[in-house]
Amino acid sequence: MVAAQQALVAGPGYIGMLAALGLAHAGWHVTLVGRTDAERAAQDTRSTALFPESVALLERLGLTQEFALHSHPLSGIRIVDASSK
């Protein structure tokens, strides 16, 4: 009998949750740890853009339809930073 791989994922944000789901989907035993604050999360108004590779990952994990229920397509994006470029 082969022991399953084990992983500890720190951070229950978008990336941490997707990393944990991806590992679990691949057969790993995963523990996801980190601070959760449901009220703060419900008030979080930041938006997230998903690139094609991220959408492909969601498709492989069977989550595309669930995300579609809570998302909207972007018509454009403008990035502003403090660089001199």
PDB file of N, CA and C in Angstrom:
ATOM      1  N   MET A   1       0.843  -1.184   0.000  1.00  0.00           N
ATOM      2  CA  MET A   1       0.000   0.000   0.000  1.00  0.00           C
ATOM      3  C   MET A   1       0.883   1.240   0.000  1.00  0.00           C
ATOM      4  N   VAL A   2       0.617   2.157  -0.907  1.00  0.00           N
ATOM      5  CA  VAL A   2       1.398   3.384  -1.020  1.00  0.00           C
ATOM      6  C   VAL A   2       0.700   4.487  -0.228  1.00  0.00           C
ATOM      7  N   ALA A   3       1.457   5.177   0.605  1.00  0.00           N
ATOM      8  CA  ALA A   3       0.895   6.282   1.381  1.00  0.00           C
ATOM      9  C   ALA A   3       0.642   7.473   0.471  1.00  0.00           C
ATOM     10  N   ALA A   4      -0.469   8.158   0.704  1.00  0.00           N
ATOM     11  CA  ALA A   4      -0.791   9.349  -0.078  1.00  0.00           C
ATOM     12  C   ALA A   4       0.147  10.483   0.299  1.00  0.00           C
ATOM     13  N   GLN A   5       0.441  11.334  -0.667  1.00  0.00           N
ATOM     14  CA  GLN A   5       1.228  12.528  -0.391  1.00  0.00           C
ATOM     15  C   GLN A   5       0.409  13.446   0.506  1.00  0.00           C
ATOM     16  N   GLN A   6       1.105  14.194   1.350  1.00  0.00           N
ATOM     17  CA  GLN A   6       0.435  15.134   2.236  1.00  0.00           C
ATOM     18  C   GLN A   6       0.942  16.541   1.955  1.00  0.00           C
ATOM     19  N   ALA A   7       0.051  17.524   2.065  1.00  0.00           N
ATOM     20  CA  ALA A   7       0.433  18.916   1.834  1.00  0.00           C
ATOM     21  C   ALA A   7      -0.258  19.815   2.854  1.00  0.00           C
ATOM     22  N   LEU A   8       0.452  20.846   3.252  1.00  0.00           N
ATOM     23  CA  LEU A   8      -0.097  21.896   4.095  1.00  0.00           C
ATOM     24  C   LEU A   8      -0.085  23.166   3.257  1.00  0.00           C
ATOM     25  N   VAL A   9      -1.250  23.742   3.019  1.00  0.00           N
ATOM     26  CA  VAL A   9      -1.359  24.969   2.243  1.00  0.00           C
ATOM     27  C   VAL A   9      -1.698  26.095   3.215  1.00  0.00           C
ATOM     28  N   ALA A  10      -0.857  27.107   3.252  1.00  0.00           N
ATOM     29  CA  ALA A  10      -1.067  28.248   4.145  1.00  0.00           C
ATOM     30  C   ALA A  10      -1.731  29.376   3.381  1.00  0.00           C
ATOM     31  N   GLY A  11      -2.899  29.788   3.844  1.00  0.00           N
ATOM     32  CA  GLY A  11      -3.589  30.916   3.235  1.00  0.00           C
ATOM     33  C   GLY A  11      -4.850  30.499   2.526  1.00  0.00           C
ATOM     34  N   PRO A  12      -6.013  30.807   3.105  1.00  0.00           N
ATOM     35  CA  PRO A  12      -7.287  30.409   2.501  1.00  0.00           C
ATOM     36  C   PRO A  12      -7.849  31.417   1.504  1.00  0.00           C
ATOM     37  N   GLY A  13      -6.987  32.175   0.848  1.00  0.00           N
ATOM     38  CA  GLY A  13      -7.438  33.092  -0.197  1.00  0.00           C
ATOM     39  C   GLY A  13      -7.679  32.340  -1.492  1.00  0.00           C
ATOM     40  N   TYR A  14      -7.892  33.098  -2.573  1.00  0.00           N
ATOM     41  CA  TYR A  14      -8.172  32.471  -3.871  1.00  0.00           C
ATOM     42  C   TYR A  14      -7.094  31.474  -4.269  1.00  0.00           C
ATOM     43  N   ILE A  15      -5.849  31.890  -4.185  1.00  0.00           N
ATOM     44  CA  ILE A  15      -4.753  31.031  -4.640  1.00  0.00           C
ATOM     45  C   ILE A  15      -4.577  29.825  -3.722  1.00  0.00           C
ATOM     46  N   GLY A  16      -4.636  30.047  -2.424  1.00  0.00           N
ATOM     47  CA  GLY A  16      -4.513  28.937  -1.476  1.00  0.00           C
ATOM     48  C   GLY A  16      -5.605  27.905  -1.658  1.00  0.00           C
ATOM     49  N   MET A  17      -6.840  28.388  -1.832  1.00  0.00           N
ATOM     50  CA  MET A  17      -7.949  27.445  -2.027  1.00  0.00           C
ATOM     51  C   MET A  17      -7.795  26.659  -3.320  1.00  0.00           C
ATOM     52  N   LEU A  18      -7.385  27.335  -4.398  1.00  0.00           N
ATOM     53  CA  LEU A  18      -7.200  26.622  -5.661  1.00  0.00           C
ATOM     54  C   LEU A  18      -6.041  25.638  -5.582  1.00  0.00           C
ATOM     55  N   ALA A  19      -4.963  26.025  -4.883  1.00  0.00           N
ATOM     56  CA  ALA A  19      -3.843  25.098  -4.711  1.00  0.00           C
ATOM     57  C   ALA A  19      -4.292  23.867  -3.933  1.00  0.00           C
ATOM     58  N   ALA A  20      -5.045  24.072  -2.869  1.00  0.00           N
ATOM     59  CA  ALA A  20      -5.535  22.950  -2.063  1.00  0.00           C
ATOM     60  C   ALA A  20      -6.467  22.053  -2.875  1.00  0.00           C
ATOM     61  N   LEU A  21      -7.372  22.669  -3.639  1.00  0.00           N
ATOM     62  CA  LEU A  21      -8.289  21.881  -4.472  1.00  0.00           C
ATOM     63  C   LEU A  21      -7.538  21.092  -5.539  1.00  0.00           C
ATOM     64  N   GLY A  22      -6.548  21.733  -6.160  1.00  0.00           N
ATOM     65  CA  GLY A  22      -5.769  21.044  -7.190  1.00  0.00           C
ATOM     66  C   GLY A  22      -5.018  19.852  -6.636  1.00  0.00           C
ATOM     67  N   LEU A  23      -4.407  20.031  -5.474  1.00  0.00           N
ATOM     68  CA  LEU A  23      -3.686  18.919  -4.848  1.00  0.00           C
ATOM     69  C   LEU A  23      -4.639  17.796  -4.440  1.00  0.00           C
ATOM     70  N   ALA A  24      -5.776  18.168  -3.859  1.00  0.00           N
ATOM     71  CA  ALA A  24      -6.757  17.148  -3.465  1.00  0.00           C
ATOM     72  C   ALA A  24      -7.280  16.397  -4.685  1.00  0.00           C
ATOM     73  N   HIS A  25      -7.502  17.118  -5.761  1.00  0.00           N
ATOM     74  CA  HIS A  25      -7.964  16.500  -7.007  1.00  0.00           C
ATOM     75  C   HIS A  25      -6.936  15.500  -7.537  1.00  0.00           C
ATOM     76  N   ALA A  26      -5.657  15.771  -7.267  1.00  0.00           N
ATOM     77  CA  ALA A  26      -4.580  14.877  -7.716  1.00  0.00           C
ATOM     78  C   ALA A  26      -4.332  13.737  -6.731  1.00  0.00           C
ATOM     79  N   GLY A  27      -5.144  13.648  -5.671  1.00  0.00           N
ATOM     80  CA  GLY A  27      -5.029  12.528  -4.745  1.00  0.00           C
ATOM     81  C   GLY A  27      -4.258  12.802  -3.467  1.00  0.00           C
ATOM     82  N   TRP A  28      -3.841  14.037  -3.255  1.00  0.00           N
ATOM     83  CA  TRP A  28      -3.103  14.390  -2.046  1.00  0.00           C
ATOM     84  C   TRP A  28      -4.064  14.572  -0.874  1.00  0.00           C
ATOM     85  N   HIS A  29      -3.569  14.324   0.342  1.00  0.00           N
ATOM     86  CA  HIS A  29      -4.273  14.684   1.565  1.00  0.00           C
ATOM     87  C   HIS A  29      -3.824  16.103   1.898  1.00  0.00           C
ATOM     88  N   VAL A  30      -4.767  17.036   1.937  1.00  0.00           N
ATOM     89  CA  VAL A  30      -4.433  18.451   2.060  1.00  0.00           C
ATOM     90  C   VAL A  30      -5.036  19.043   3.328  1.00  0.00           C
ATOM     91  N   THR A  31      -4.236  19.845   4.015  1.00  0.00           N
ATOM     92  CA  THR A  31      -4.718  20.656   5.126  1.00  0.00           C
ATOM     93  C   THR A  31      -4.537  22.107   4.723  1.00  0.00           C
ATOM     94  N   LEU A  32      -5.633  22.866   4.744  1.00  0.00           N
ATOM     95  CA  LEU A  32      -5.619  24.281   4.398  1.00  0.00           C
ATOM     96  C   LEU A  32      -5.745  25.065   5.698  1.00  0.00           C
ATOM     97  N   VAL A  33      -4.759  25.910   5.992  1.00  0.00           N
ATOM     98  CA  VAL A  33      -4.775  26.668   7.239  1.00  0.00           C
ATOM     99  C   VAL A  33      -4.663  28.157   6.954  1.00  0.00           C
ATOM    100  N   GLY A  34      -5.157  28.938   7.893  1.00  0.00           N
ATOM    101  CA  GLY A  34      -5.056  30.385   7.769  1.00  0.00           C
ATOM    102  C   GLY A  34      -6.245  31.061   8.407  1.00  0.00           C
ATOM    103  N   ARG A  35      -6.128  32.343   8.538  1.00  0.00           N
ATOM    104  CA  ARG A  35      -7.168  33.146   9.158  1.00  0.00           C
ATOM    105  C   ARG A  35      -8.353  33.287   8.213  1.00  0.00           C
ATOM    106  N   THR A  36      -9.528  33.056   8.731  1.00  0.00           N
ATOM    107  CA  THR A  36     -10.730  33.298   7.950  1.00  0.00           C
ATOM    108  C   THR A  36     -11.564  34.345   8.665  1.00  0.00           C
ATOM    109  N   ASP A  37     -12.179  35.179   7.924  1.00  0.00           N
ATOM    110  CA  ASP A  37     -13.016  36.244   8.462  1.00  0.00           C
ATOM    111  C   ASP A  37     -14.182  36.411   7.502  1.00  0.00           C
ATOM    112  N   ALA A  38     -15.269  35.691   7.757  1.00  0.00           N
ATOM    113  CA  ALA A  38     -16.396  35.664   6.831  1.00  0.00           C
ATOM    114  C   ALA A  38     -16.974  37.048   6.581  1.00  0.00           C
ATOM    115  N   GLU A  39     -17.066  37.861   7.609  1.00  0.00           N
ATOM    116  CA  GLU A  39     -17.637  39.197   7.428  1.00  0.00           C
ATOM    117  C   GLU A  39     -16.754  40.047   6.530  1.00  0.00           C
ATOM    118  N   ARG A  40     -15.447  40.001   6.767  1.00  0.00           N
ATOM    119  CA  ARG A  40     -14.519  40.762   5.936  1.00  0.00           C
ATOM    120  C   ARG A  40     -14.562  40.271   4.487  1.00  0.00           C
ATOM    121  N   ALA A  41     -14.614  38.955   4.316  1.00  0.00           N
ATOM    122  CA  ALA A  41     -14.657  38.392   2.966  1.00  0.00           C
ATOM    123  C   ALA A  41     -15.924  38.820   2.231  1.00  0.00           C
ATOM    124  N   ALA A  42     -17.047  38.899   2.950  1.00  0.00           N
ATOM    125  CA  ALA A  42     -18.307  39.297   2.327  1.00  0.00           C
ATOM    126  C   ALA A  42     -18.272  40.752   1.883  1.00  0.00           C
ATOM    127  N   GLN A  43     -17.448  41.579   2.536  1.00  0.00           N
ATOM    128  CA  GLN A  43     -17.363  42.995   2.196  1.00  0.00           C
ATOM    129  C   GLN A  43     -16.211  43.295   1.236  1.00  0.00           C
ATOM    130  N   ASP A  44     -15.455  42.298   0.856  1.00  0.00           N
ATOM    131  CA  ASP A  44     -14.311  42.493  -0.031  1.00  0.00           C
ATOM    132  C   ASP A  44     -14.815  42.857  -1.422  1.00  0.00           C
ATOM    133  N   THR A  45     -14.511  44.070  -1.875  1.00  0.00           N
ATOM    134  CA  THR A  45     -15.018  44.533  -3.171  1.00  0.00           C
ATOM    135  C   THR A  45     -13.965  44.492  -4.271  1.00  0.00           C
ATOM    136  N   ARG A  46     -12.803  43.902  -3.969  1.00  0.00           N
ATOM    137  CA  ARG A  46     -11.784  43.808  -5.019  1.00  0.00           C
ATOM    138  C   ARG A  46     -12.253  42.835  -6.085  1.00  0.00           C
ATOM    139  N   SER A  47     -11.834  43.080  -7.300  1.00  0.00           N
ATOM    140  CA  SER A  47     -12.169  42.156  -8.380  1.00  0.00           C
ATOM    141  C   SER A  47     -10.932  41.355  -8.755  1.00  0.00           C
ATOM    142  N   THR A  48     -11.169  40.230  -9.354  1.00  0.00           N
ATOM    143  CA  THR A  48     -10.084  39.361  -9.781  1.00  0.00           C
ATOM    144  C   THR A  48     -10.307  38.985 -11.229  1.00  0.00           C
ATOM    145  N   ALA A  49      -9.268  39.120 -12.032  1.00  0.00           N
ATOM    146  CA  ALA A  49      -9.326  38.705 -13.425  1.00  0.00           C
ATOM    147  C   ALA A  49      -8.679  37.333 -13.547  1.00  0.00           C
ATOM    148  N   LEU A  50      -9.310  36.455 -14.275  1.00  0.00           N
ATOM    149  CA  LEU A  50      -8.768  35.125 -14.501  1.00  0.00           C
ATOM    150  C   LEU A  50      -8.236  35.028 -15.924  1.00  0.00           C
ATOM    151  N   PHE A  51      -7.001  34.608 -16.035  1.00  0.00           N
ATOM    152  CA  PHE A  51      -6.383  34.408 -17.338  1.00  0.00           C
ATOM    153  C   PHE A  51      -6.729  33.011 -17.845  1.00  0.00           C
ATOM    154  N   PRO A  52      -6.527  32.744 -19.131  1.00  0.00           N
ATOM    155  CA  PRO A  52      -6.926  31.450 -19.705  1.00  0.00           C
ATOM    156  C   PRO A  52      -6.389  30.231 -18.936  1.00  0.00           C
ATOM    157  N   GLU A  53      -5.162  30.303 -18.436  1.00  0.00           N
ATOM    158  CA  GLU A  53      -4.609  29.170 -17.695  1.00  0.00           C
ATOM    159  C   GLU A  53      -5.390  28.915 -16.406  1.00  0.00           C
ATOM    160  N   SER A  54      -5.846  29.993 -15.760  1.00  0.00           N
ATOM    161  CA  SER A  54      -6.641  29.852 -14.540  1.00  0.00           C
ATOM    162  C   SER A  54      -8.009  29.255 -14.846  1.00  0.00           C
ATOM    163  N   VAL A  55      -8.601  29.688 -15.936  1.00  0.00           N
ATOM    164  CA  VAL A  55      -9.892  29.135 -16.343  1.00  0.00           C
ATOM    165  C   VAL A  55      -9.742  27.647 -16.668  1.00  0.00           C
ATOM    166  N   ALA A  56      -8.650  27.273 -17.317  1.00  0.00           N
ATOM    167  CA  ALA A  56      -8.403  25.857 -17.630  1.00  0.00           C
ATOM    168  C   ALA A  56      -8.279  25.039 -16.347  1.00  0.00           C
ATOM    169  N   LEU A  57      -7.623  25.593 -15.325  1.00  0.00           N
ATOM    170  CA  LEU A  57      -7.514  24.898 -14.040  1.00  0.00           C
ATOM    171  C   LEU A  57      -8.902  24.708 -13.426  1.00  0.00           C
ATOM    172  N   LEU A  58      -9.717  25.746 -13.447  1.00  0.00           N
ATOM    173  CA  LEU A  58     -11.074  25.626 -12.921  1.00  0.00           C
ATOM    174  C   LEU A  58     -11.862  24.554 -13.677  1.00  0.00           C
ATOM    175  N   GLU A  59     -11.671  24.477 -14.981  1.00  0.00           N
ATOM    176  CA  GLU A  59     -12.347  23.444 -15.783  1.00  0.00           C
ATOM    177  C   GLU A  59     -11.901  22.059 -15.347  1.00  0.00           C
ATOM    178  N   ARG A  60     -10.569  21.871 -15.149  1.00  0.00           N
ATOM    179  CA  ARG A  60     -10.061  20.559 -14.728  1.00  0.00           C
ATOM    180  C   ARG A  60     -10.587  20.167 -13.356  1.00  0.00           C
ATOM    181  N   LEU A  61     -10.839  21.147 -12.490  1.00  0.00           N
ATOM    182  CA  LEU A  61     -11.341  20.875 -11.141  1.00  0.00           C
ATOM    183  C   LEU A  61     -12.863  20.794 -11.097  1.00  0.00           C
ATOM    184  N   GLY A  62     -13.518  21.013 -12.239  1.00  0.00           N
ATOM    185  CA  GLY A  62     -14.965  20.945 -12.293  1.00  0.00           C
ATOM    186  C   GLY A  62     -15.663  22.125 -11.630  1.00  0.00           C
ATOM    187  N   LEU A  63     -15.007  23.293 -11.601  1.00  0.00           N
ATOM    188  CA  LEU A  63     -15.550  24.455 -10.899  1.00  0.00           C
ATOM    189  C   LEU A  63     -16.018  25.580 -11.819  1.00  0.00           C
ATOM    190  N   THR A  64     -15.933  25.384 -13.115  1.00  0.00           N
ATOM    191  CA  THR A  64     -16.245  26.465 -14.054  1.00  0.00           C
ATOM    192  C   THR A  64     -17.678  26.961 -13.879  1.00  0.00           C
ATOM    193  N   GLN A  65     -18.647  26.068 -13.793  1.00  0.00           N
ATOM    194  CA  GLN A  65     -20.043  26.488 -13.677  1.00  0.00           C
ATOM    195  C   GLN A  65     -20.286  27.254 -12.381  1.00  0.00           C
ATOM    196  N   GLU A  66     -19.687  26.815 -11.286  1.00  0.00           N
ATOM    197  CA  GLU A  66     -19.860  27.505  -9.999  1.00  0.00           C
ATOM    198  C   GLU A  66     -19.299  28.921 -10.068  1.00  0.00           C
ATOM    199  N   PHE A  67     -18.126  29.084 -10.653  1.00  0.00           N
ATOM    200  CA  PHE A  67     -17.542  30.416 -10.792  1.00  0.00           C
ATOM    201  C   PHE A  67     -18.375  31.290 -11.719  1.00  0.00           C
ATOM    202  N   ALA A  68     -18.946  30.715 -12.757  1.00  0.00           N
ATOM    203  CA  ALA A  68     -19.757  31.482 -13.701  1.00  0.00           C
ATOM    204  C   ALA A  68     -20.977  32.094 -13.020  1.00  0.00           C
ATOM    205  N   LEU A  69     -21.484  31.440 -11.988  1.00  0.00           N
ATOM    206  CA  LEU A  69     -22.642  31.966 -11.266  1.00  0.00           C
ATOM    207  C   LEU A  69     -22.321  33.251 -10.511  1.00  0.00           C
ATOM    208  N   HIS A  70     -21.038  33.478 -10.203  1.00  0.00           N
ATOM    209  CA  HIS A  70     -20.639  34.596  -9.354  1.00  0.00           C
ATOM    210  C   HIS A  70     -19.657  35.543 -10.049  1.00  0.00           C
ATOM    211  N   SER A  71     -19.600  35.510 -11.357  1.00  0.00           N
ATOM    212  CA  SER A  71     -18.609  36.333 -12.053  1.00  0.00           C
ATOM    213  C   SER A  71     -19.229  37.022 -13.263  1.00  0.00           C
ATOM    214  N   HIS A  72     -18.471  37.948 -13.802  1.00  0.00           N
ATOM    215  CA  HIS A  72     -18.891  38.703 -14.982  1.00  0.00           C
ATOM    216  C   HIS A  72     -17.678  38.875 -15.890  1.00  0.00           C
ATOM    217  N   PRO A  73     -17.878  38.832 -17.199  1.00  0.00           N
ATOM    218  CA  PRO A  73     -16.743  39.031 -18.116  1.00  0.00           C
ATOM    219  C   PRO A  73     -16.240  40.469 -18.065  1.00  0.00           C
ATOM    220  N   LEU A  74     -14.944  40.634 -18.268  1.00  0.00           N
ATOM    221  CA  LEU A  74     -14.348  41.970 -18.337  1.00  0.00           C
ATOM    222  C   LEU A  74     -14.472  42.515 -19.753  1.00  0.00           C
ATOM    223  N   SER A  75     -14.779  43.799 -19.858  1.00  0.00           N
ATOM    224  CA  SER A  75     -14.786  44.419 -21.179  1.00  0.00           C
ATOM    225  C   SER A  75     -13.468  45.140 -21.433  1.00  0.00           C
ATOM    226  N   GLY A  76     -12.675  45.333 -20.370  1.00  0.00           N
ATOM    227  CA  GLY A  76     -11.378  45.979 -20.496  1.00  0.00           C
ATOM    228  C   GLY A  76     -10.709  46.038 -19.137  1.00  0.00           C
ATOM    229  N   ILE A  77      -9.437  46.358 -19.144  1.00  0.00           N
ATOM    230  CA  ILE A  77      -8.710  46.464 -17.892  1.00  0.00           C
ATOM    231  C   ILE A  77      -7.630  47.539 -18.041  1.00  0.00           C
ATOM    232  N   ARG A  78      -7.430  48.312 -17.008  1.00  0.00           N
ATOM    233  CA  ARG A  78      -6.393  49.351 -16.998  1.00  0.00           C
ATOM    234  C   ARG A  78      -5.598  49.168 -15.717  1.00  0.00           C
ATOM    235  N   ILE A  79      -4.299  49.002 -15.846  1.00  0.00           N
ATOM    236  CA  ILE A  79      -3.438  48.801 -14.686  1.00  0.00           C
ATOM    237  C   ILE A  79      -2.620  50.067 -14.468  1.00  0.00           C
ATOM    238  N   VAL A  80      -2.682  50.598 -13.271  1.00  0.00           N
ATOM    239  CA  VAL A  80      -1.944  51.816 -12.905  1.00  0.00           C
ATOM    240  C   VAL A  80      -1.026  51.446 -11.763  1.00  0.00           C
ATOM    241  N   ASP A  81       0.264  51.790 -11.900  1.00  0.00           N
ATOM    242  CA  ASP A  81       1.207  51.546 -10.812  1.00  0.00           C
ATOM    243  C   ASP A  81       2.121  52.758 -10.652  1.00  0.00           C
ATOM    244  N   ALA A  82       3.026  52.667  -9.734  1.00  0.00           N
ATOM    245  CA  ALA A  82       3.898  53.799  -9.409  1.00  0.00           C
ATOM    246  C   ALA A  82       5.199  53.812 -10.211  1.00  0.00           C
ATOM    247  N   SER A  83       5.330  52.912 -11.180  1.00  0.00           N
ATOM    248  CA  SER A  83       6.557  52.876 -11.957  1.00  0.00           C
ATOM    249  C   SER A  83       6.601  54.049 -12.935  1.00  0.00           C
ATOM    250  N   SER A  84       7.793  54.296 -13.481  1.00  0.00           N
ATOM    251  CA  SER A  84       7.939  55.395 -14.430  1.00  0.00           C
ATOM    252  C   SER A  84       7.780  54.931 -15.878  1.00  0.00           C
ATOM    253  N   LYS A  85       7.333  53.718 -16.091  1.00  0.00           N
ATOM    254  CA  LYS A  85       7.165  53.188 -17.451  1.00  0.00           C
ATOM    255  C   LYS A  85       5.914  53.719 -18.095  1.00  0.00           C
TER     256      LYS A  85
END
